[in-house]
N, C-alpha and C. Protein backbone atom coordinates (compact mmCIF):
# COMPACT_ATOMS: atom_id res chain seq x y z
N MET A 1 -175.77 -30.11 75.49
CA MET A 1 -176.77 -29.85 76.53
C MET A 1 -176.19 -28.86 77.51
N GLY A 2 -177.01 -27.84 77.89
CA GLY A 2 -176.53 -26.81 78.78
C GLY A 2 -176.59 -27.25 80.22
N THR A 3 -175.69 -26.71 81.02
CA THR A 3 -175.66 -26.95 82.44
C THR A 3 -176.72 -26.10 83.12
N PRO A 4 -177.08 -26.42 84.39
CA PRO A 4 -178.09 -25.60 85.07
C PRO A 4 -177.69 -24.14 85.20
N GLU A 5 -176.35 -23.86 85.26
CA GLU A 5 -175.91 -22.47 85.39
C GLU A 5 -176.11 -21.69 84.09
N THR A 6 -175.84 -22.35 82.95
CA THR A 6 -175.93 -21.66 81.67
C THR A 6 -177.35 -21.61 81.12
N SER A 7 -178.25 -22.49 81.61
CA SER A 7 -179.62 -22.51 81.09
C SER A 7 -180.57 -21.64 81.88
N ARG A 8 -180.10 -20.94 82.95
CA ARG A 8 -180.95 -20.10 83.76
C ARG A 8 -181.02 -18.70 83.17
N GLU A 9 -181.93 -17.91 83.73
CA GLU A 9 -182.09 -16.54 83.29
C GLU A 9 -180.89 -15.70 83.72
N PRO A 10 -180.62 -14.58 83.04
CA PRO A 10 -179.55 -13.69 83.51
C PRO A 10 -179.90 -13.12 84.88
N CYS A 11 -178.86 -12.62 85.52
CA CYS A 11 -178.97 -12.33 86.95
C CYS A 11 -180.04 -11.31 87.34
N PRO A 12 -180.21 -10.20 86.70
CA PRO A 12 -181.27 -9.30 87.17
C PRO A 12 -182.66 -9.93 87.09
N ASP A 13 -182.92 -10.70 86.03
CA ASP A 13 -184.23 -11.34 85.89
C ASP A 13 -184.33 -12.65 86.66
N ARG A 14 -183.20 -13.18 87.10
CA ARG A 14 -183.22 -14.46 87.80
C ARG A 14 -183.92 -14.35 89.14
N ILE A 15 -183.82 -13.20 89.80
CA ILE A 15 -184.42 -13.05 91.13
C ILE A 15 -185.94 -13.14 91.04
N LEU A 16 -186.53 -12.37 90.11
CA LEU A 16 -187.99 -12.43 89.95
C LEU A 16 -188.44 -13.80 89.47
N ASP A 17 -187.67 -14.41 88.59
CA ASP A 17 -188.03 -15.73 88.09
C ASP A 17 -188.04 -16.76 89.21
N ASP A 18 -187.04 -16.71 90.09
CA ASP A 18 -186.98 -17.67 91.20
C ASP A 18 -188.04 -17.39 92.24
N ILE A 19 -188.38 -16.11 92.46
CA ILE A 19 -189.45 -15.80 93.42
C ILE A 19 -190.78 -16.37 92.94
N GLY A 20 -191.10 -16.16 91.65
CA GLY A 20 -192.34 -16.71 91.12
C GLY A 20 -192.37 -18.22 91.11
N GLY A 21 -191.24 -18.83 90.71
CA GLY A 21 -191.20 -20.30 90.70
C GLY A 21 -191.30 -20.90 92.08
N ALA A 22 -190.63 -20.29 93.06
CA ALA A 22 -190.69 -20.80 94.43
C ALA A 22 -192.10 -20.63 95.01
N PHE A 23 -192.74 -19.49 94.73
CA PHE A 23 -194.11 -19.31 95.22
C PHE A 23 -195.06 -20.34 94.61
N GLY A 24 -194.94 -20.57 93.29
CA GLY A 24 -195.80 -21.58 92.67
C GLY A 24 -195.56 -22.97 93.21
N MET A 25 -194.28 -23.33 93.43
CA MET A 25 -193.99 -24.65 93.98
C MET A 25 -194.54 -24.80 95.39
N GLY A 26 -194.37 -23.73 96.21
CA GLY A 26 -194.91 -23.80 97.57
C GLY A 26 -196.43 -23.85 97.58
N ALA A 27 -197.07 -23.12 96.66
CA ALA A 27 -198.53 -23.12 96.62
C ALA A 27 -199.07 -24.49 96.21
N VAL A 28 -198.45 -25.09 95.20
CA VAL A 28 -198.93 -26.40 94.74
C VAL A 28 -198.67 -27.47 95.79
N GLY A 29 -197.44 -27.51 96.30
CA GLY A 29 -197.13 -28.51 97.32
C GLY A 29 -197.90 -28.30 98.61
N GLY A 30 -198.04 -27.02 99.02
CA GLY A 30 -198.81 -26.75 100.23
C GLY A 30 -200.28 -27.10 100.08
N SER A 31 -200.83 -26.87 98.90
CA SER A 31 -202.24 -27.22 98.68
C SER A 31 -202.46 -28.72 98.82
N ALA A 32 -201.60 -29.50 98.21
CA ALA A 32 -201.75 -30.95 98.32
C ALA A 32 -201.57 -31.42 99.76
N PHE A 33 -200.55 -30.87 100.44
CA PHE A 33 -200.27 -31.32 101.82
C PHE A 33 -201.42 -30.96 102.76
N HIS A 34 -201.85 -29.71 102.74
CA HIS A 34 -202.88 -29.28 103.69
C HIS A 34 -204.26 -29.82 103.32
N PHE A 35 -204.50 -30.11 102.05
CA PHE A 35 -205.78 -30.73 101.70
C PHE A 35 -205.85 -32.14 102.26
N LEU A 36 -204.79 -32.90 102.09
CA LEU A 36 -204.79 -34.26 102.66
C LEU A 36 -204.82 -34.23 104.18
N LYS A 37 -204.11 -33.26 104.76
CA LYS A 37 -204.13 -33.14 106.22
C LYS A 37 -205.52 -32.75 106.73
N GLY A 38 -206.19 -31.85 105.98
CA GLY A 38 -207.55 -31.49 106.37
C GLY A 38 -208.52 -32.64 106.25
N LEU A 39 -208.37 -33.46 105.21
CA LEU A 39 -209.23 -34.64 105.09
C LEU A 39 -209.02 -35.61 106.24
N TYR A 40 -207.78 -35.73 106.68
CA TYR A 40 -207.48 -36.71 107.74
C TYR A 40 -207.98 -36.22 109.11
N ASN A 41 -207.87 -34.93 109.40
CA ASN A 41 -208.22 -34.41 110.71
C ASN A 41 -209.68 -33.98 110.82
N ALA A 42 -210.38 -33.81 109.70
CA ALA A 42 -211.77 -33.31 109.76
C ALA A 42 -212.71 -34.42 110.22
N PRO A 43 -213.82 -34.05 110.84
CA PRO A 43 -214.81 -35.05 111.24
C PRO A 43 -215.55 -35.62 110.04
N THR A 44 -216.19 -36.73 110.25
CA THR A 44 -216.91 -37.39 109.17
C THR A 44 -218.10 -36.54 108.74
N GLY A 45 -218.26 -36.39 107.43
CA GLY A 45 -219.35 -35.62 106.87
C GLY A 45 -218.96 -34.21 106.48
N ALA A 46 -217.80 -33.74 106.93
CA ALA A 46 -217.37 -32.38 106.58
C ALA A 46 -215.89 -32.37 106.19
N ARG A 47 -215.46 -33.44 105.61
CA ARG A 47 -214.04 -33.56 105.30
C ARG A 47 -213.64 -32.62 104.16
N VAL A 48 -214.45 -32.57 103.10
CA VAL A 48 -214.09 -31.74 101.94
C VAL A 48 -214.10 -30.26 102.31
N VAL A 49 -215.11 -29.85 103.10
CA VAL A 49 -215.18 -28.45 103.51
C VAL A 49 -214.00 -28.09 104.40
N ALA A 50 -213.67 -28.94 105.34
CA ALA A 50 -212.55 -28.67 106.25
C ALA A 50 -211.22 -28.66 105.49
N ALA A 51 -211.08 -29.55 104.51
CA ALA A 51 -209.85 -29.58 103.72
C ALA A 51 -209.71 -28.31 102.89
N SER A 52 -210.81 -27.84 102.33
CA SER A 52 -210.77 -26.60 101.54
C SER A 52 -210.41 -25.40 102.42
N GLN A 53 -210.96 -25.35 103.63
CA GLN A 53 -210.62 -24.26 104.53
C GLN A 53 -209.15 -24.31 104.95
N ALA A 54 -208.62 -25.50 105.15
CA ALA A 54 -207.21 -25.64 105.51
C ALA A 54 -206.31 -25.15 104.37
N VAL A 55 -206.73 -25.43 103.15
CA VAL A 55 -205.94 -24.97 102.00
C VAL A 55 -205.96 -23.45 101.92
N ARG A 56 -207.14 -22.83 102.10
CA ARG A 56 -207.23 -21.37 102.00
C ARG A 56 -206.46 -20.67 103.11
N LEU A 57 -206.38 -21.27 104.28
CA LEU A 57 -205.71 -20.62 105.41
C LEU A 57 -204.20 -20.79 105.37
N ASN A 58 -203.71 -21.88 104.88
CA ASN A 58 -202.28 -22.20 105.02
C ASN A 58 -201.47 -22.04 103.74
N VAL A 59 -202.11 -22.18 102.58
CA VAL A 59 -201.34 -22.14 101.34
C VAL A 59 -200.68 -20.79 101.09
N PRO A 60 -201.34 -19.64 101.31
CA PRO A 60 -200.62 -18.37 101.10
C PRO A 60 -199.37 -18.23 101.97
N ARG A 61 -199.44 -18.71 103.21
CA ARG A 61 -198.27 -18.64 104.10
C ARG A 61 -197.13 -19.52 103.60
N VAL A 62 -197.48 -20.73 103.15
CA VAL A 62 -196.44 -21.64 102.65
C VAL A 62 -195.83 -21.09 101.36
N GLY A 63 -196.67 -20.60 100.45
CA GLY A 63 -196.15 -20.03 99.21
C GLY A 63 -195.28 -18.80 99.46
N GLY A 64 -195.69 -17.94 100.44
CA GLY A 64 -194.88 -16.79 100.76
C GLY A 64 -193.53 -17.17 101.36
N SER A 65 -193.50 -18.20 102.19
CA SER A 65 -192.23 -18.66 102.76
C SER A 65 -191.29 -19.17 101.67
N PHE A 66 -191.84 -19.92 100.74
CA PHE A 66 -191.02 -20.41 99.63
C PHE A 66 -190.52 -19.24 98.77
N ALA A 67 -191.38 -18.25 98.56
CA ALA A 67 -190.98 -17.10 97.75
C ALA A 67 -189.86 -16.31 98.42
N VAL A 68 -189.94 -16.14 99.76
CA VAL A 68 -188.87 -15.45 100.48
C VAL A 68 -187.56 -16.22 100.36
N TRP A 69 -187.63 -17.52 100.53
CA TRP A 69 -186.41 -18.34 100.43
C TRP A 69 -185.83 -18.24 99.01
N GLY A 70 -186.67 -18.34 97.99
CA GLY A 70 -186.18 -18.26 96.61
C GLY A 70 -185.61 -16.90 96.28
N GLY A 71 -186.25 -15.83 96.79
CA GLY A 71 -185.72 -14.50 96.52
C GLY A 71 -184.37 -14.26 97.17
N LEU A 72 -184.22 -14.69 98.43
CA LEU A 72 -182.93 -14.53 99.10
C LEU A 72 -181.84 -15.37 98.44
N PHE A 73 -182.21 -16.58 98.07
CA PHE A 73 -181.22 -17.45 97.41
C PHE A 73 -180.74 -16.83 96.10
N SER A 74 -181.66 -16.33 95.28
CA SER A 74 -181.26 -15.71 94.02
C SER A 74 -180.45 -14.44 94.23
N THR A 75 -180.79 -13.68 95.27
CA THR A 75 -180.03 -12.47 95.56
C THR A 75 -178.59 -12.78 95.94
N PHE A 76 -178.41 -13.76 96.83
CA PHE A 76 -177.05 -14.15 97.20
C PHE A 76 -176.31 -14.79 96.01
N ASP A 77 -177.04 -15.54 95.19
CA ASP A 77 -176.41 -16.15 94.02
C ASP A 77 -175.92 -15.09 93.04
N CYS A 78 -176.75 -14.08 92.78
CA CYS A 78 -176.33 -13.01 91.89
C CYS A 78 -175.19 -12.20 92.47
N THR A 79 -175.18 -12.05 93.81
CA THR A 79 -174.06 -11.36 94.44
C THR A 79 -172.76 -12.12 94.25
N MET A 80 -172.81 -13.44 94.37
CA MET A 80 -171.60 -14.25 94.17
C MET A 80 -171.14 -14.20 92.71
N VAL A 81 -172.10 -14.19 91.79
CA VAL A 81 -171.74 -14.08 90.38
C VAL A 81 -171.05 -12.75 90.10
N TYR A 82 -171.55 -11.68 90.71
CA TYR A 82 -170.95 -10.36 90.51
C TYR A 82 -169.55 -10.28 91.13
N LEU A 83 -169.37 -10.88 92.29
CA LEU A 83 -168.08 -10.81 92.96
C LEU A 83 -167.04 -11.71 92.30
N ARG A 84 -167.44 -12.90 91.89
CA ARG A 84 -166.48 -13.87 91.33
C ARG A 84 -166.37 -13.78 89.82
N GLN A 85 -167.34 -13.13 89.16
CA GLN A 85 -167.33 -12.95 87.70
C GLN A 85 -167.31 -14.28 86.95
N LYS A 86 -168.00 -15.27 87.48
CA LYS A 86 -168.14 -16.54 86.78
C LYS A 86 -169.29 -17.32 87.40
N GLU A 87 -169.79 -18.27 86.60
CA GLU A 87 -170.92 -19.09 87.03
C GLU A 87 -170.44 -20.52 87.23
N ASP A 88 -170.59 -21.04 88.44
CA ASP A 88 -170.24 -22.42 88.74
C ASP A 88 -171.06 -22.88 89.95
N PRO A 89 -171.02 -24.16 90.29
CA PRO A 89 -171.82 -24.66 91.42
C PRO A 89 -171.46 -24.03 92.76
N TRP A 90 -170.27 -23.47 92.91
CA TRP A 90 -169.90 -22.88 94.19
C TRP A 90 -170.78 -21.66 94.52
N ASN A 91 -171.23 -20.96 93.51
CA ASN A 91 -172.13 -19.83 93.77
C ASN A 91 -173.42 -20.30 94.44
N SER A 92 -174.00 -21.38 93.93
CA SER A 92 -175.24 -21.88 94.51
C SER A 92 -175.02 -22.45 95.91
N ILE A 93 -173.88 -23.10 96.14
CA ILE A 93 -173.61 -23.67 97.47
C ILE A 93 -173.47 -22.56 98.51
N VAL A 94 -172.70 -21.54 98.18
CA VAL A 94 -172.53 -20.41 99.11
C VAL A 94 -173.86 -19.67 99.30
N ALA A 95 -174.64 -19.52 98.22
CA ALA A 95 -175.92 -18.85 98.34
C ALA A 95 -176.88 -19.63 99.23
N GLY A 96 -176.88 -20.97 99.12
CA GLY A 96 -177.73 -21.77 99.99
C GLY A 96 -177.34 -21.66 101.45
N ALA A 97 -176.03 -21.66 101.72
CA ALA A 97 -175.59 -21.50 103.11
C ALA A 97 -175.95 -20.12 103.65
N ALA A 98 -175.74 -19.09 102.84
CA ALA A 98 -176.07 -17.73 103.29
C ALA A 98 -177.57 -17.56 103.52
N THR A 99 -178.38 -18.17 102.68
CA THR A 99 -179.83 -18.06 102.84
C THR A 99 -180.30 -18.74 104.13
N GLY A 100 -179.79 -19.95 104.37
CA GLY A 100 -180.18 -20.64 105.61
C GLY A 100 -179.74 -19.89 106.85
N GLY A 101 -178.52 -19.34 106.83
CA GLY A 101 -178.07 -18.58 108.00
C GLY A 101 -178.83 -17.28 108.19
N PHE A 102 -179.17 -16.62 107.10
CA PHE A 102 -179.88 -15.35 107.21
C PHE A 102 -181.30 -15.55 107.75
N LEU A 103 -181.98 -16.60 107.33
CA LEU A 103 -183.34 -16.84 107.79
C LEU A 103 -183.39 -17.26 109.25
N SER A 104 -182.32 -17.83 109.77
CA SER A 104 -182.28 -18.27 111.17
C SER A 104 -181.50 -17.32 112.06
N MET A 105 -181.24 -16.12 111.58
CA MET A 105 -180.42 -15.18 112.34
C MET A 105 -181.09 -14.74 113.63
N ARG A 106 -182.42 -14.64 113.66
CA ARG A 106 -183.12 -14.17 114.86
C ARG A 106 -183.08 -15.18 115.99
N GLN A 107 -182.78 -16.44 115.68
CA GLN A 107 -182.74 -17.49 116.70
C GLN A 107 -181.37 -17.61 117.37
N GLY A 108 -180.44 -16.80 116.97
CA GLY A 108 -179.13 -16.85 117.60
C GLY A 108 -178.07 -17.37 116.65
N LEU A 109 -176.81 -17.14 117.06
CA LEU A 109 -175.68 -17.54 116.21
C LEU A 109 -175.56 -19.06 116.06
N PRO A 110 -175.74 -19.86 117.11
CA PRO A 110 -175.65 -21.33 116.91
C PRO A 110 -176.70 -21.86 115.93
N ALA A 111 -177.93 -21.38 116.07
CA ALA A 111 -178.97 -21.84 115.15
C ALA A 111 -178.70 -21.38 113.73
N ALA A 112 -178.20 -20.15 113.57
CA ALA A 112 -177.88 -19.65 112.23
C ALA A 112 -176.73 -20.45 111.62
N SER A 113 -175.76 -20.83 112.42
CA SER A 113 -174.64 -21.63 111.91
C SER A 113 -175.11 -23.01 111.45
N ARG A 114 -175.96 -23.63 112.24
CA ARG A 114 -176.49 -24.94 111.85
C ARG A 114 -177.33 -24.85 110.58
N ALA A 115 -178.15 -23.80 110.49
CA ALA A 115 -178.97 -23.62 109.29
C ALA A 115 -178.11 -23.34 108.06
N ALA A 116 -177.03 -22.58 108.24
CA ALA A 116 -176.13 -22.31 107.11
C ALA A 116 -175.43 -23.58 106.65
N ALA A 117 -174.98 -24.39 107.60
CA ALA A 117 -174.33 -25.65 107.23
C ALA A 117 -175.32 -26.57 106.52
N PHE A 118 -176.55 -26.63 107.03
CA PHE A 118 -177.55 -27.48 106.39
C PHE A 118 -177.87 -26.99 104.98
N GLY A 119 -178.00 -25.66 104.82
CA GLY A 119 -178.28 -25.13 103.47
C GLY A 119 -177.15 -25.38 102.50
N GLY A 120 -175.89 -25.22 102.96
CA GLY A 120 -174.76 -25.49 102.08
C GLY A 120 -174.67 -26.94 101.66
N VAL A 121 -174.89 -27.86 102.60
CA VAL A 121 -174.83 -29.29 102.27
C VAL A 121 -175.98 -29.67 101.33
N LEU A 122 -177.17 -29.13 101.59
CA LEU A 122 -178.31 -29.43 100.72
C LEU A 122 -178.06 -28.96 99.29
N LEU A 123 -177.56 -27.73 99.13
CA LEU A 123 -177.29 -27.23 97.78
C LEU A 123 -176.14 -27.98 97.12
N ALA A 124 -175.16 -28.43 97.93
CA ALA A 124 -174.07 -29.22 97.36
C ALA A 124 -174.59 -30.56 96.80
N LEU A 125 -175.52 -31.18 97.55
CA LEU A 125 -176.11 -32.43 97.05
C LEU A 125 -176.93 -32.19 95.79
N ILE A 126 -177.69 -31.08 95.76
CA ILE A 126 -178.50 -30.79 94.58
C ILE A 126 -177.62 -30.52 93.36
N GLU A 127 -176.56 -29.71 93.55
CA GLU A 127 -175.66 -29.41 92.43
C GLU A 127 -174.92 -30.66 91.97
N GLY A 128 -174.49 -31.50 92.91
CA GLY A 128 -173.82 -32.74 92.51
C GLY A 128 -174.74 -33.67 91.74
N ALA A 129 -176.01 -33.76 92.18
CA ALA A 129 -176.96 -34.59 91.44
C ALA A 129 -177.21 -34.04 90.04
N GLY A 130 -177.27 -32.69 89.91
CA GLY A 130 -177.46 -32.10 88.59
C GLY A 130 -176.28 -32.36 87.66
N ILE A 131 -175.06 -32.28 88.19
CA ILE A 131 -173.88 -32.53 87.36
C ILE A 131 -173.84 -33.99 86.91
N MET A 132 -174.13 -34.92 87.82
CA MET A 132 -174.15 -36.34 87.45
C MET A 132 -175.23 -36.63 86.42
N LEU A 133 -176.40 -35.99 86.56
CA LEU A 133 -177.47 -36.20 85.60
C LEU A 133 -177.09 -35.69 84.22
N ASN A 134 -176.42 -34.51 84.17
CA ASN A 134 -175.98 -33.97 82.88
C ASN A 134 -174.95 -34.87 82.22
N LYS A 135 -174.02 -35.41 83.00
CA LYS A 135 -173.02 -36.32 82.43
C LYS A 135 -173.67 -37.61 81.93
N PHE A 136 -174.66 -38.11 82.68
CA PHE A 136 -175.32 -39.34 82.25
C PHE A 136 -176.10 -39.12 80.96
N LEU A 137 -176.82 -37.99 80.87
CA LEU A 137 -177.59 -37.71 79.66
C LEU A 137 -176.69 -37.44 78.46
N SER A 138 -175.57 -36.77 78.69
CA SER A 138 -174.64 -36.52 77.57
C SER A 138 -173.99 -37.80 77.10
N ALA A 139 -173.77 -38.76 78.00
CA ALA A 139 -173.18 -40.04 77.59
C ALA A 139 -174.18 -40.90 76.85
N GLN A 140 -175.49 -40.70 77.08
CA GLN A 140 -176.51 -41.50 76.41
C GLN A 140 -176.83 -40.99 75.02
N GLN A 141 -176.38 -39.80 74.64
CA GLN A 141 -176.68 -39.28 73.31
C GLN A 141 -175.90 -40.06 72.26
N PRO A 142 -176.57 -40.54 71.19
CA PRO A 142 -175.86 -41.31 70.16
C PRO A 142 -174.94 -40.44 69.34
N MET A 143 -173.81 -41.02 68.95
CA MET A 143 -172.87 -40.31 68.10
C MET A 143 -173.39 -40.28 66.67
N PRO A 144 -173.11 -39.21 65.93
CA PRO A 144 -173.56 -39.16 64.52
C PRO A 144 -172.87 -40.22 63.67
N ILE A 145 -173.67 -40.90 62.84
CA ILE A 145 -173.16 -41.97 61.98
C ILE A 145 -172.92 -41.40 60.59
N ILE A 146 -171.71 -41.57 60.11
CA ILE A 146 -171.33 -41.10 58.78
C ILE A 146 -171.44 -42.28 57.81
N VAL A 147 -172.31 -42.16 56.83
CA VAL A 147 -172.55 -43.22 55.85
C VAL A 147 -171.78 -42.89 54.58
N ASP A 148 -170.94 -43.83 54.15
CA ASP A 148 -170.18 -43.67 52.92
C ASP A 148 -170.94 -44.36 51.80
N ASP A 149 -171.47 -43.59 50.83
CA ASP A 149 -172.24 -44.17 49.74
C ASP A 149 -171.37 -44.88 48.72
N GLY A 150 -170.08 -44.62 48.72
CA GLY A 150 -169.20 -45.29 47.78
C GLY A 150 -169.21 -44.72 46.39
N PHE A 151 -169.77 -43.52 46.17
CA PHE A 151 -169.79 -42.91 44.86
C PHE A 151 -168.48 -42.17 44.63
N PRO A 152 -167.99 -42.19 43.40
CA PRO A 152 -166.78 -41.41 43.11
C PRO A 152 -167.04 -39.93 43.33
N PRO A 153 -165.97 -39.14 43.55
CA PRO A 153 -166.18 -37.70 43.83
C PRO A 153 -166.79 -36.95 42.67
N ASN A 154 -166.57 -37.40 41.43
CA ASN A 154 -167.10 -36.69 40.27
C ASN A 154 -168.41 -37.27 39.76
N GLU A 155 -168.99 -38.21 40.52
CA GLU A 155 -170.21 -38.88 40.05
C GLU A 155 -171.23 -38.86 41.18
N LEU A 156 -172.34 -38.18 40.99
CA LEU A 156 -173.37 -38.07 41.99
C LEU A 156 -174.32 -39.25 41.90
N PRO A 157 -175.00 -39.57 43.05
CA PRO A 157 -175.98 -40.66 42.98
C PRO A 157 -177.12 -40.32 42.05
N GLY A 158 -177.48 -41.29 41.18
CA GLY A 158 -178.54 -41.08 40.21
C GLY A 158 -178.06 -40.45 38.92
N GLN A 159 -176.78 -40.10 38.82
CA GLN A 159 -176.26 -39.49 37.60
C GLN A 159 -175.69 -40.56 36.69
N ILE A 160 -176.04 -40.50 35.41
CA ILE A 160 -175.58 -41.48 34.42
C ILE A 160 -174.31 -40.96 33.78
N PRO A 161 -173.27 -41.78 33.72
CA PRO A 161 -172.04 -41.32 33.06
C PRO A 161 -172.31 -40.92 31.62
N PRO A 162 -171.49 -39.99 31.08
CA PRO A 162 -171.74 -39.52 29.70
C PRO A 162 -171.66 -40.63 28.66
N ASN A 163 -170.79 -41.59 28.86
CA ASN A 163 -170.66 -42.64 27.86
C ASN A 163 -171.72 -43.73 28.01
N GLU A 164 -172.66 -43.59 28.99
CA GLU A 164 -173.72 -44.57 29.17
C GLU A 164 -175.10 -43.94 29.01
N LEU A 165 -175.18 -42.75 28.38
CA LEU A 165 -176.48 -42.13 28.18
C LEU A 165 -177.31 -42.93 27.20
N PRO A 166 -178.63 -43.00 27.40
CA PRO A 166 -179.46 -43.77 26.46
C PRO A 166 -179.47 -43.10 25.08
N GLY A 167 -179.39 -43.94 24.06
CA GLY A 167 -179.41 -43.42 22.69
C GLY A 167 -178.05 -43.08 22.14
N GLN A 168 -176.99 -43.20 22.95
CA GLN A 168 -175.66 -42.89 22.49
C GLN A 168 -174.80 -44.14 22.52
N THR A 169 -174.04 -44.32 21.51
CA THR A 169 -173.13 -45.46 21.41
C THR A 169 -171.74 -44.93 21.13
N ALA A 170 -170.79 -45.69 21.51
CA ALA A 170 -169.41 -45.28 21.29
C ALA A 170 -169.09 -45.35 19.80
N SER A 171 -168.37 -44.35 19.31
CA SER A 171 -168.02 -44.30 17.88
C SER A 171 -166.98 -45.38 17.58
N PRO A 172 -167.20 -46.15 16.52
CA PRO A 172 -166.24 -47.21 16.20
C PRO A 172 -164.94 -46.59 15.69
N PRO A 173 -163.86 -47.27 15.94
CA PRO A 173 -162.58 -46.75 15.44
C PRO A 173 -162.56 -46.74 13.92
N SER A 174 -161.96 -45.71 13.35
CA SER A 174 -161.89 -45.56 11.90
C SER A 174 -160.47 -45.21 11.49
N TRP A 175 -160.11 -45.64 10.22
CA TRP A 175 -158.74 -45.36 9.77
C TRP A 175 -158.60 -43.93 9.29
N PHE A 176 -159.78 -43.15 9.18
CA PHE A 176 -159.68 -41.74 8.82
C PHE A 176 -159.01 -40.93 9.92
N GLY A 177 -159.13 -41.43 11.15
CA GLY A 177 -158.51 -40.69 12.23
C GLY A 177 -157.01 -40.60 12.09
N GLY A 178 -156.42 -41.61 11.49
CA GLY A 178 -154.97 -41.57 11.32
C GLY A 178 -154.55 -40.59 10.25
N TRP A 179 -155.43 -40.30 9.26
CA TRP A 179 -155.09 -39.36 8.18
C TRP A 179 -155.38 -37.91 8.55
N PHE A 180 -156.55 -37.68 9.18
CA PHE A 180 -156.97 -36.32 9.45
C PHE A 180 -156.74 -35.88 10.90
N GLY A 181 -156.27 -36.76 11.73
CA GLY A 181 -156.00 -36.39 13.12
C GLY A 181 -154.72 -35.58 13.23
N ASP A 182 -154.39 -35.22 14.46
CA ASP A 182 -153.21 -34.40 14.69
C ASP A 182 -151.99 -35.24 15.01
N GLY A 183 -152.07 -36.53 14.79
CA GLY A 183 -150.93 -37.39 14.98
C GLY A 183 -150.79 -37.95 16.37
N LYS A 184 -151.72 -37.58 17.31
CA LYS A 184 -151.64 -38.09 18.66
C LYS A 184 -152.35 -39.43 18.75
N LYS A 185 -151.83 -40.25 19.61
CA LYS A 185 -152.43 -41.57 19.81
C LYS A 185 -153.56 -41.45 20.82
N ASN A 186 -154.61 -42.19 20.51
CA ASN A 186 -155.76 -42.20 21.42
C ASN A 186 -155.45 -43.11 22.60
N GLU A 187 -155.63 -42.58 23.79
CA GLU A 187 -155.38 -43.38 24.97
C GLU A 187 -156.60 -44.22 25.28
N PRO A 188 -156.42 -45.51 25.54
CA PRO A 188 -157.58 -46.37 25.85
C PRO A 188 -158.14 -46.02 27.21
N ALA A 189 -159.46 -45.99 27.29
CA ALA A 189 -160.16 -45.76 28.57
C ALA A 189 -160.89 -47.01 28.97
N SER A 190 -160.53 -47.55 30.10
CA SER A 190 -161.13 -48.79 30.56
C SER A 190 -162.43 -48.49 31.28
N SER A 191 -163.49 -49.14 30.87
CA SER A 191 -164.80 -48.98 31.51
C SER A 191 -165.53 -50.31 31.46
N GLY A 192 -165.65 -50.95 32.64
CA GLY A 192 -166.38 -52.21 32.71
C GLY A 192 -165.68 -53.33 31.97
N GLY A 193 -164.35 -53.30 31.87
CA GLY A 193 -163.63 -54.39 31.23
C GLY A 193 -163.50 -54.24 29.73
N SER A 194 -164.11 -53.24 29.08
CA SER A 194 -164.02 -53.04 27.63
C SER A 194 -163.27 -51.76 27.34
N GLU A 195 -162.51 -51.74 26.26
CA GLU A 195 -161.72 -50.58 25.89
C GLU A 195 -162.47 -49.78 24.82
N THR A 196 -162.55 -48.49 25.05
CA THR A 196 -163.18 -47.59 24.08
C THR A 196 -162.18 -46.53 23.72
N LYS A 197 -162.17 -46.13 22.47
CA LYS A 197 -161.26 -45.11 21.97
C LYS A 197 -162.08 -43.90 21.53
N VAL A 198 -161.63 -42.75 21.91
CA VAL A 198 -162.30 -41.50 21.57
C VAL A 198 -161.53 -40.85 20.45
N LEU A 199 -162.21 -40.57 19.34
CA LEU A 199 -161.58 -39.95 18.19
C LEU A 199 -161.35 -38.47 18.44
N GLU A 200 -160.28 -37.96 17.89
CA GLU A 200 -160.01 -36.53 17.97
C GLU A 200 -160.97 -35.79 17.05
N SER A 201 -161.48 -34.68 17.51
CA SER A 201 -162.41 -33.90 16.70
C SER A 201 -161.65 -33.08 15.68
N PHE A 202 -162.33 -32.85 14.53
CA PHE A 202 -161.75 -32.02 13.49
C PHE A 202 -161.72 -30.57 13.92
N ASP A 203 -160.79 -29.85 13.41
CA ASP A 203 -160.72 -28.42 13.69
C ASP A 203 -161.86 -27.71 12.98
N ALA A 204 -162.55 -26.85 13.69
CA ALA A 204 -163.67 -26.11 13.11
C ALA A 204 -163.15 -25.06 12.14
N PRO A 205 -163.86 -24.85 11.03
CA PRO A 205 -163.41 -23.83 10.06
C PRO A 205 -163.54 -22.44 10.66
N PRO A 206 -162.74 -21.52 10.19
CA PRO A 206 -162.81 -20.16 10.76
C PRO A 206 -164.13 -19.48 10.41
N VAL A 207 -164.60 -18.66 11.31
CA VAL A 207 -165.88 -17.96 11.14
C VAL A 207 -165.59 -16.68 10.35
N PRO A 208 -166.29 -16.47 9.23
CA PRO A 208 -166.03 -15.25 8.42
C PRO A 208 -166.45 -14.01 9.17
N ASN A 209 -165.72 -12.94 8.94
CA ASN A 209 -165.97 -11.65 9.57
C ASN A 209 -166.56 -10.69 8.56
N PHE A 210 -167.74 -10.17 8.80
CA PHE A 210 -168.45 -9.28 7.89
C PHE A 210 -168.41 -7.82 8.31
N GLU A 211 -167.44 -7.47 9.12
CA GLU A 211 -167.35 -6.08 9.57
C GLU A 211 -166.93 -5.20 8.40
N TYR A 212 -167.54 -4.01 8.32
CA TYR A 212 -167.23 -3.05 7.26
C TYR A 212 -166.00 -2.24 7.63
N LYS A 213 -165.05 -2.23 6.75
CA LYS A 213 -163.82 -1.47 6.98
C LYS A 213 -163.85 -0.22 6.12
């Protein structure tokens, strides 16, 4: 299973991807929040109309704010990747702190420092939760089970040994083998508790050659 750093888009495309994702998240969350807020604050009889107007007025602003935050975060993240030449959670933590401080820069240095500290701590918690979740999911994956069928290496499942083919019987021992054989003794082969002897085959006669000389 890939980590959040390795499963993301490459850096040039990551900025646009995060801007679109942040805008969509802000639009969906803002729509739900302002619709419920409009229903609660609207007078009786015009709740749905007032809620719809609240959504149209506030959702673009909320989505744009989320998009700005996502774009700055991805920009700082890609900058850290370029400077450090590696991907790890420290890039996201520094990017979160830089984003919070940059957005609060107009309010003064103390406010920017507090926002940077808050952004760094928030991203550290998010990255830590992601790492713990990946470890938990990787520990829950079952190990592959190796099943030993117990078949010999030269015998496949469903294959019938040559001496057990239907219609074939073992040749009975004969005293001709001692006269016409090559003088070697037949070694007994044990199979299922019974001994079978394999006769030596006769030498094939030479094949005549009809080539014209």
